[in-house]
Protein backbone atom coordinates (compact mmCIF):
# COMPACT_ATOMS: atom_id res chain seq x y z
CA UNK A 1 0.26 84.05 -80.19
CA UNK A 2 -1.40 87.31 -79.01
CA UNK A 3 1.65 89.35 -79.96
CA UNK A 4 1.78 87.76 -83.38
CA UNK A 5 -1.90 88.39 -84.02
CA UNK A 6 -1.57 92.00 -82.94
CA UNK A 7 1.47 92.52 -85.09
CA UNK A 8 -0.44 91.25 -88.10
CA UNK A 9 -3.08 93.95 -87.72
CA UNK A 10 -1.19 96.19 -90.14
CA UNK A 11 -1.47 93.51 -92.82
CA UNK A 12 -5.02 92.31 -92.03
CA UNK A 13 -6.70 95.68 -91.68
CA UNK A 14 -4.32 97.77 -93.80
CA UNK A 15 -4.01 100.57 -91.23
CA UNK A 16 -2.35 103.61 -92.83
CA UNK A 17 -1.60 107.09 -91.68
CA UNK A 18 -4.82 109.07 -92.08
CA UNK A 19 -4.18 112.57 -93.26
CA UNK A 20 -6.10 115.65 -92.31
CA UNK A 21 -6.97 116.23 -95.92
CA UNK A 22 -8.83 112.88 -96.07
CA UNK A 23 -10.69 113.38 -92.80
CA UNK A 24 -11.66 117.06 -92.77
CA UNK A 25 -13.75 117.17 -95.97
CA UNK A 26 -15.82 114.18 -94.83
CA UNK A 27 -16.52 115.68 -91.42
CA UNK A 28 -17.36 119.16 -92.78
CA UNK A 29 -20.22 117.73 -94.78
CA UNK A 30 -22.18 117.75 -91.51
CA UNK A 31 -23.22 121.32 -90.80
CA UNK A 32 -23.68 120.73 -87.07
CA UNK A 33 -19.95 119.95 -86.61
CA UNK A 34 -17.80 123.02 -86.06
CA UNK A 35 -14.38 123.55 -87.56
CA UNK A 36 -12.75 123.33 -84.13
CA UNK A 37 -14.52 120.00 -83.38
CA UNK A 38 -13.40 118.65 -86.73
CA UNK A 39 -9.80 119.55 -86.02
CA UNK A 40 -9.94 117.99 -82.54
CA UNK A 41 -11.49 114.75 -83.90
CA UNK A 42 -8.95 114.56 -86.68
CA UNK A 43 -6.07 115.11 -84.26
CA UNK A 44 -7.36 112.33 -81.95
CA UNK A 45 -7.71 109.89 -84.86
CA UNK A 46 -4.22 110.73 -85.99
CA UNK A 47 -2.77 110.06 -82.52
CA UNK A 48 -4.59 106.70 -82.25
CA UNK A 49 -3.38 105.61 -85.70
CA UNK A 50 0.18 106.63 -84.90
CA UNK A 51 0.11 104.58 -81.66
CA UNK A 52 -1.09 101.49 -83.57
CA UNK A 53 1.70 101.86 -86.11
CA UNK A 54 4.30 102.33 -83.39
CA UNK A 55 3.14 99.20 -81.54
CA UNK A 56 3.09 97.21 -84.78
CA UNK A 57 6.67 98.17 -85.58
CA UNK A 58 7.74 97.39 -82.01
CA UNK A 59 6.15 93.88 -82.14
CA UNK A 60 7.79 93.14 -85.45
CA UNK A 61 11.16 94.14 -84.03
CA UNK A 62 10.65 91.83 -81.01
CA UNK A 63 9.67 88.89 -83.17
CA UNK A 64 12.58 89.47 -85.53
CA UNK A 65 15.04 89.36 -82.62
CA UNK A 66 13.45 86.23 -81.01
CA UNK A 67 15.11 82.84 -81.66
CA UNK A 68 13.49 80.63 -84.27
CA UNK A 69 11.20 77.89 -82.89
CA UNK A 70 12.61 74.38 -82.78
CA UNK A 71 11.57 72.21 -85.74
CA UNK A 72 8.82 69.67 -85.04
CA UNK A 73 9.96 66.06 -85.11
CA UNK A 74 7.23 64.50 -87.21
CA UNK A 75 8.36 60.97 -86.30
CA UNK A 76 8.02 61.68 -82.58
CA UNK A 77 4.62 63.31 -83.10
CA UNK A 78 3.50 60.28 -85.13
CA UNK A 79 4.57 57.90 -82.39
CA UNK A 80 2.76 59.95 -79.75
CA UNK A 81 -0.41 60.08 -81.81
CA UNK A 82 -0.25 56.35 -82.49
CA UNK A 83 0.30 55.60 -78.83
CA UNK A 84 -2.61 57.82 -77.81
CA UNK A 85 -4.75 56.12 -80.45
CA UNK A 86 -3.91 52.71 -79.04
CA UNK A 87 -2.15 51.53 -82.19
CA UNK A 88 1.52 51.34 -81.28
CA UNK A 89 3.31 51.33 -77.98
CA UNK A 90 7.06 51.78 -77.88
CA UNK A 91 8.58 49.07 -75.70
CA UNK A 92 12.03 49.02 -74.14
CA UNK A 93 14.55 46.41 -75.23
CA UNK A 94 14.39 44.85 -71.76
CA UNK A 95 10.63 44.36 -72.13
CA UNK A 96 11.07 42.83 -75.58
CA UNK A 97 13.74 40.44 -74.28
CA UNK A 98 11.43 39.42 -71.43
CA UNK A 99 8.70 38.66 -73.94
CA UNK A 100 11.14 36.77 -76.15
CA UNK A 101 12.18 34.55 -73.23
CA UNK A 102 8.50 33.65 -72.76
CA UNK A 103 9.06 32.58 -69.19
CA UNK A 104 5.32 32.38 -68.35
CA UNK A 105 4.87 30.11 -71.35
CA UNK A 106 7.01 27.44 -69.73
CA UNK A 107 4.05 26.61 -67.53
CA UNK A 108 3.05 24.43 -70.50
CA UNK A 109 6.00 22.27 -69.43
CA UNK A 110 5.38 22.60 -65.69
CA UNK A 111 1.70 21.57 -65.63
CA UNK A 112 1.90 18.24 -67.55
CA UNK A 113 4.83 17.14 -65.38
CA UNK A 114 3.07 18.21 -62.18
CA UNK A 115 -0.33 16.69 -63.03
CA UNK A 116 1.27 13.45 -64.25
CA UNK A 117 3.34 13.18 -61.07
CA UNK A 118 0.29 13.96 -58.89
CA UNK A 119 -1.71 11.27 -60.69
CA UNK A 120 1.09 8.77 -60.03
CA UNK A 121 1.04 9.72 -56.36
CA UNK A 122 -2.76 9.33 -56.29
CA UNK A 123 -2.34 5.87 -57.83
CA UNK A 124 0.61 4.55 -55.79
CA UNK A 125 1.15 6.85 -52.82
CA UNK A 126 4.81 7.24 -53.85
CA UNK A 127 6.63 10.33 -55.08
CA UNK A 128 10.26 11.05 -55.93
CA UNK A 129 11.18 14.75 -55.84
CA UNK A 130 14.51 14.03 -57.57
CA UNK A 131 12.81 12.30 -60.48
CA UNK A 132 10.21 15.05 -60.67
CA UNK A 133 12.89 17.75 -60.92
CA UNK A 134 14.90 15.77 -63.48
CA UNK A 135 11.86 15.28 -65.70
CA UNK A 136 10.81 18.92 -65.34
CA UNK A 137 14.27 20.24 -66.23
CA UNK A 138 14.53 18.00 -69.31
CA UNK A 139 11.05 18.90 -70.52
CA UNK A 140 11.73 22.62 -70.11
CA UNK A 141 14.82 22.16 -72.30
CA UNK A 142 12.66 20.45 -74.94
CA UNK A 143 10.30 23.42 -74.81
CA UNK A 144 13.22 25.76 -75.39
CA UNK A 145 13.60 23.95 -78.72
CA UNK A 146 9.88 24.38 -79.39
CA UNK A 147 10.01 28.15 -78.81
CA UNK A 148 13.32 28.88 -80.54
CA UNK A 149 12.63 26.75 -83.60
CA UNK A 150 9.18 28.31 -83.90
CA UNK A 151 10.84 31.74 -84.10
CA UNK A 152 13.32 30.45 -86.67
CA UNK A 153 10.73 29.02 -89.04
CA UNK A 154 8.30 31.92 -88.61
CA UNK A 155 11.23 34.20 -89.49
CA UNK A 156 11.82 32.17 -92.66
CA UNK A 157 8.22 32.55 -93.80
CA UNK A 158 7.97 36.21 -92.79
CA UNK A 159 5.25 35.61 -90.20
CA UNK A 160 7.41 37.32 -87.54
CA UNK A 161 8.38 40.27 -89.72
CA UNK A 162 6.57 42.74 -87.45
CA UNK A 163 7.05 40.77 -84.25
CA UNK A 164 9.54 42.88 -82.29
CA UNK A 165 9.92 40.29 -79.52
CA UNK A 166 11.07 37.58 -81.95
CA UNK A 167 14.42 36.19 -80.80
CA UNK A 168 15.89 36.57 -84.29
CA UNK A 169 14.62 40.14 -84.70
CA UNK A 170 16.23 40.99 -81.35
CA UNK A 171 19.59 39.25 -81.74
CA UNK A 172 19.89 38.86 -85.50
CA UNK A 173 21.56 35.47 -85.91
CA UNK A 174 19.19 32.96 -87.47
CA UNK A 175 21.83 30.23 -87.77
CA UNK A 176 22.99 30.50 -84.16
CA UNK A 177 19.41 30.41 -82.83
CA UNK A 178 18.64 27.35 -84.97
CA UNK A 179 21.74 25.52 -83.71
CA UNK A 180 20.85 26.32 -80.09
CA UNK A 181 17.29 25.15 -80.65
CA UNK A 182 18.18 21.73 -82.01
CA UNK A 183 20.92 21.29 -79.42
CA UNK A 184 18.29 21.85 -76.75
CA UNK A 185 16.09 19.16 -78.30
CA UNK A 186 18.92 16.63 -78.29
CA UNK A 187 19.88 17.42 -74.70
CA UNK A 188 16.31 17.33 -73.39
CA UNK A 189 15.46 14.12 -75.26
CA UNK A 190 18.54 12.34 -73.92
CA UNK A 191 17.62 13.38 -70.38
CA UNK A 192 14.04 12.13 -70.67
CA UNK A 193 15.23 8.88 -72.22
CA UNK A 194 17.63 8.29 -69.34
CA UNK A 195 14.82 8.81 -66.82
CA UNK A 196 12.60 6.40 -68.77
CA UNK A 197 15.36 3.78 -68.74
CA UNK A 198 15.80 4.32 -65.00
CA UNK A 199 12.05 3.83 -64.51
CA UNK A 200 12.07 0.76 -66.73
CA UNK A 201 9.11 2.04 -68.72
CA UNK A 202 9.44 1.87 -72.52
CA UNK A 203 5.85 3.08 -73.02
CA UNK A 204 6.79 6.51 -71.71
CA UNK A 205 9.56 6.77 -74.33
CA UNK A 206 7.05 6.03 -77.10
CA UNK A 207 4.60 8.62 -75.77
CA UNK A 208 7.24 11.31 -75.39
CA UNK A 209 8.62 10.61 -78.85
CA UNK A 210 5.09 10.98 -80.20
CA UNK A 211 4.69 14.30 -78.37
CA UNK A 212 7.94 15.62 -79.86
CA UNK A 213 6.83 14.48 -83.30
CA UNK A 214 3.62 16.50 -82.84
CA UNK A 215 5.77 19.54 -82.08
CA UNK A 216 7.73 18.86 -85.26
CA UNK A 217 4.56 18.57 -87.35
CA UNK A 218 3.28 21.77 -85.78
CA UNK A 219 6.09 24.10 -86.85
CA UNK A 220 8.93 22.51 -88.77
CA UNK A 221 9.25 22.25 -92.57
CA UNK A 222 8.14 20.59 -94.72
CA UNK A 223 4.95 20.08 -92.66
CA UNK A 224 4.23 23.33 -90.75
CA UNK A 225 0.70 22.16 -90.02
CA UNK A 226 0.08 25.21 -87.84
CA UNK A 227 -0.16 27.15 -91.13
CA UNK A 228 -3.22 25.06 -91.99
CA UNK A 229 -5.08 25.78 -88.77
CA UNK A 230 -4.44 22.48 -86.96
CA UNK A 231 -1.95 23.73 -84.39
CA UNK A 232 -4.44 23.54 -81.53
CA UNK A 233 -5.26 19.83 -81.99
CA UNK A 234 -1.57 18.98 -82.28
CA UNK A 235 -0.63 20.81 -79.08
CA UNK A 236 -3.65 19.36 -77.32
CA UNK A 237 -2.29 15.88 -78.01
CA UNK A 238 1.35 16.78 -77.34
CA UNK A 239 0.92 18.53 -73.99
CA UNK A 240 -2.22 16.70 -72.94
CA UNK A 241 -2.55 12.90 -73.26
CA UNK A 242 0.91 12.17 -74.71
CA UNK A 243 3.10 14.14 -72.31
CA UNK A 244 0.97 13.99 -69.15
CA UNK A 245 0.47 10.22 -69.32
CA UNK A 246 4.16 9.75 -70.15
CA UNK A 247 5.20 11.68 -67.02
CA UNK A 248 2.74 9.63 -65.00
CA UNK A 249 4.41 6.46 -66.26
CA UNK A 250 7.90 7.79 -65.49
CA UNK A 251 7.09 7.55 -61.76
CA UNK A 252 6.72 3.78 -61.89
CA UNK A 253 9.17 1.85 -59.74
CA UNK A 254 8.98 -1.93 -59.54
CA UNK A 255 6.27 -2.41 -62.19
CA UNK A 256 4.55 -0.38 -64.86
CA UNK A 257 1.62 1.71 -63.73
CA UNK A 258 -1.86 1.07 -65.06
CA UNK A 259 -3.31 3.90 -67.13
CA UNK A 260 -6.58 4.66 -65.34
CA UNK A 261 -9.46 6.91 -66.40
CA UNK A 262 -8.37 9.49 -63.80
CA UNK A 263 -5.03 9.89 -65.55
CA UNK A 264 -6.54 10.01 -69.03
CA UNK A 265 -9.17 12.63 -68.21
CA UNK A 266 -6.70 14.70 -66.22
CA UNK A 267 -4.46 14.77 -69.28
CA UNK A 268 -7.42 15.84 -71.43
CA UNK A 269 -8.07 18.81 -69.14
CA UNK A 270 -4.40 19.81 -69.34
CA UNK A 271 -4.55 19.64 -73.13
CA UNK A 272 -7.66 21.83 -73.28
CA UNK A 273 -6.17 24.67 -71.25
CA UNK A 274 -2.95 24.48 -73.26
CA UNK A 275 -4.83 24.75 -76.56
CA UNK A 276 -6.69 27.80 -75.24
CA UNK A 277 -3.34 29.60 -74.81
CA UNK A 278 -2.40 28.98 -78.44
CA UNK A 279 -5.83 29.98 -79.70
CA UNK A 280 -5.76 33.34 -77.90
CA UNK A 281 -2.23 34.07 -79.13
CA UNK A 282 -3.60 34.48 -82.69
CA UNK A 283 -5.90 37.45 -82.03
CA UNK A 284 -3.28 40.18 -82.54
CA UNK A 285 -1.49 38.41 -85.42
CA UNK A 286 -4.29 38.03 -87.95
CA UNK A 287 -2.92 40.54 -90.49
CA UNK A 288 0.62 39.13 -90.33
CA UNK A 289 -0.69 35.57 -90.64
CA UNK A 290 -2.78 36.49 -93.68
CA UNK A 291 0.22 38.16 -95.32
CA UNK A 292 2.25 34.92 -95.31
CA UNK A 293 -0.64 32.54 -96.00
CA UNK A 294 -0.90 31.20 -92.46
CA UNK A 295 -4.52 30.08 -92.03
CA UNK A 296 -4.86 30.16 -88.26
CA UNK A 297 -8.29 29.58 -86.70
CA UNK A 298 -8.66 33.33 -86.14
CA UNK A 299 -7.92 34.03 -89.81
CA UNK A 300 -10.80 31.71 -90.72
CA UNK A 301 -13.22 32.86 -88.04
CA UNK A 302 -12.45 36.51 -87.38
CA UNK A 303 -12.08 38.06 -83.96
CA UNK A 304 -15.76 38.24 -83.03
CA UNK A 305 -16.45 34.57 -83.76
CA UNK A 306 -13.12 33.74 -82.11
CA UNK A 307 -14.22 35.48 -78.91
CA UNK A 308 -17.33 33.29 -78.89
CA UNK A 309 -15.14 30.21 -79.29
CA UNK A 310 -13.17 31.29 -76.22
CA UNK A 311 -16.40 31.67 -74.26
CA UNK A 312 -17.67 28.26 -75.34
CA UNK A 313 -14.30 26.67 -74.52
CA UNK A 314 -14.22 28.05 -70.98
CA UNK A 315 -17.82 26.98 -70.35
CA UNK A 316 -17.07 23.55 -71.79
CA UNK A 317 -13.96 23.16 -69.62
CA UNK A 318 -15.84 23.63 -66.34
CA UNK A 319 -18.85 21.67 -67.56
CA UNK A 320 -16.53 18.75 -68.26
CA UNK A 321 -15.00 19.02 -64.78
CA UNK A 322 -18.44 18.85 -63.18
CA UNK A 323 -19.44 15.93 -65.40
CA UNK A 324 -16.28 14.04 -64.43
CA UNK A 325 -17.06 14.77 -60.79
CA UNK A 326 -20.64 13.51 -60.93
CA UNK A 327 -19.60 10.33 -62.75
CA UNK A 328 -16.94 9.67 -60.10
CA UNK A 329 -14.11 9.86 -62.63
CA UNK A 330 -12.28 12.64 -60.80
CA UNK A 331 -11.82 12.81 -57.02
CA UNK A 332 -13.97 15.32 -55.17
CA UNK A 333 -10.97 17.40 -54.12
CA UNK A 334 -9.87 17.86 -57.74
CA UNK A 335 -13.36 18.92 -58.79
CA UNK A 336 -13.77 21.44 -55.97
CA UNK A 337 -10.31 22.99 -56.33
CA UNK A 338 -10.53 23.17 -60.12
CA UNK A 339 -13.91 24.92 -59.96
CA UNK A 340 -12.40 27.51 -57.63
CA UNK A 341 -10.53 28.86 -60.67
CA UNK A 342 -13.83 29.73 -62.39
CA UNK A 343 -13.42 33.51 -61.75
CA UNK A 344 -10.20 33.41 -63.77
CA UNK A 345 -12.01 31.71 -66.62
CA UNK A 346 -14.76 34.30 -66.45
CA UNK A 347 -12.16 37.08 -66.53
CA UNK A 348 -10.73 35.64 -69.76
CA UNK A 349 -14.16 35.55 -71.39
CA UNK A 350 -14.93 39.15 -70.40
CA UNK A 351 -11.52 40.42 -71.49
CA UNK A 352 -11.64 38.74 -74.91
CA UNK A 353 -15.25 39.73 -75.53
CA UNK A 354 -14.44 43.36 -74.76
CA UNK A 355 -11.04 43.72 -76.48
CA UNK A 356 -10.99 41.23 -79.35
CA UNK A 357 -10.77 44.08 -81.92
CA UNK A 358 -8.00 46.01 -80.12
CA UNK A 359 -4.60 44.57 -81.07
CA UNK A 360 -2.75 46.53 -78.42
CA UNK A 361 -4.89 45.04 -75.63
CA UNK A 362 -5.88 41.59 -76.89
CA UNK A 363 -2.17 40.70 -76.92
CA UNK A 364 -2.53 40.13 -73.18
CA UNK A 365 -5.26 37.55 -73.70
CA UNK A 366 -2.81 34.69 -73.99
CA UNK A 367 -1.21 35.66 -70.68
CA UNK A 368 -4.60 35.53 -68.99
CA UNK A 369 -4.90 32.01 -70.43
CA UNK A 370 -1.45 31.13 -69.09
CA UNK A 371 -2.63 32.13 -65.61
CA UNK A 372 -5.73 29.99 -65.95
CA UNK A 373 -3.65 27.08 -67.24
CA UNK A 374 -1.28 27.35 -64.28
CA UNK A 375 -3.98 27.79 -61.64
CA UNK A 376 -6.28 25.14 -63.08
CA UNK A 377 -3.47 22.60 -63.52
CA UNK A 378 -2.14 23.32 -60.04
CA UNK A 379 -5.62 22.91 -58.55
CA UNK A 380 -6.13 19.64 -60.42
CA UNK A 381 -2.80 18.27 -59.16
CA UNK A 382 -3.41 19.48 -55.61
CA UNK A 383 -6.78 17.75 -55.65
CA UNK A 384 -5.21 14.44 -56.69
CA UNK A 385 -2.67 14.70 -53.88
CA UNK A 386 -5.34 15.64 -51.35
CA UNK A 387 -7.54 12.76 -52.46
CA UNK A 388 -4.70 10.33 -51.73
CA UNK A 389 -3.80 11.92 -48.41
CA UNK A 390 -7.30 12.05 -47.01
CA UNK A 391 -9.86 9.89 -48.78
CA UNK A 392 -10.83 8.79 -52.28
CA UNK A 393 -14.32 10.15 -51.84
CA UNK A 394 -16.18 10.89 -55.05
CA UNK A 395 -18.61 13.74 -55.68
CA UNK A 396 -21.84 11.67 -55.78
CA UNK A 397 -21.08 10.08 -52.39
CA UNK A 398 -20.22 13.46 -50.88
CA UNK A 399 -23.59 14.86 -52.01
CA UNK A 400 -25.46 11.78 -50.86
CA UNK A 401 -26.49 10.76 -54.37
């Protein structure tokens, strides 16, 4: 840069060779300057000018012989600027495949099965690990249908046009993914039905069929009720009361289990944390949802109001746990262990409140909710097991009320 600037002096300042004829008359106007001094001054000026011209020519020769600078890749520069601005982050294909698999999301299958089985153990004192694993495997297969078919139908409407981790955007075959999805539903449904027949409990079949129908209403044409902003209530019912109570009933042996208030309210808590995951997954998709006419709750509310809904939901979740504890509906162990997850709930509130306008960061909000869902559901189930192992002591009695 310095060499270039110096070399441009000849153009910027228009330095030319100063002749004696131009300098001498001007200097001789001053009577106090002798002829000899004039000649010496003129000679010095001439030498300095000649040096500047020589250096200018030398710099130009060096620059002319230097290789041309590499062209700037505007696309790369744009990506760097976008990344630094927090707008776009280039992800590897491996990362996109990991997101497409949605492995953490399968906790929505794990928690209903676990809480339902723990409630059955609390009720009867009996537990079959084989049956638990069979039910869990079949329900995970059903959830593979839920996730794959959701990608298929969102691809059809264009909602996943900019979703790089969409299975179809990654692998390209819409027909193959759709066939795999519905095959998974058939396989998982047959497995759950066989377990229900083994348990001799037809009520569980009805509940599970109702849960699957809620999934169908949620995403499949011609209904696609998630596009009308009712996805959260549907998944609350499907993963909460319908699935959790069904898995509770699948652990019956000689006779059908009674559906107690403990089981019902435990399933409600599972449904609430599941719905929170779906709600937070909309924050970074508002523009894409609007473009295809999908009226999600965040499209209606906006991100700021949505962040307040998240805060109210977390507060309401733990307030409900305490209320169920004080009324003796939930065992003391379940109340205490569930409340120990409160820091995770507080972390979700703080994260969403701070980042609800930043698409690149708020994307992680749903994964924070998945962690809460897993920890809260695990704590609830552990409390039910502990209550059976030790004592069915309720919160009011423990506090001496």
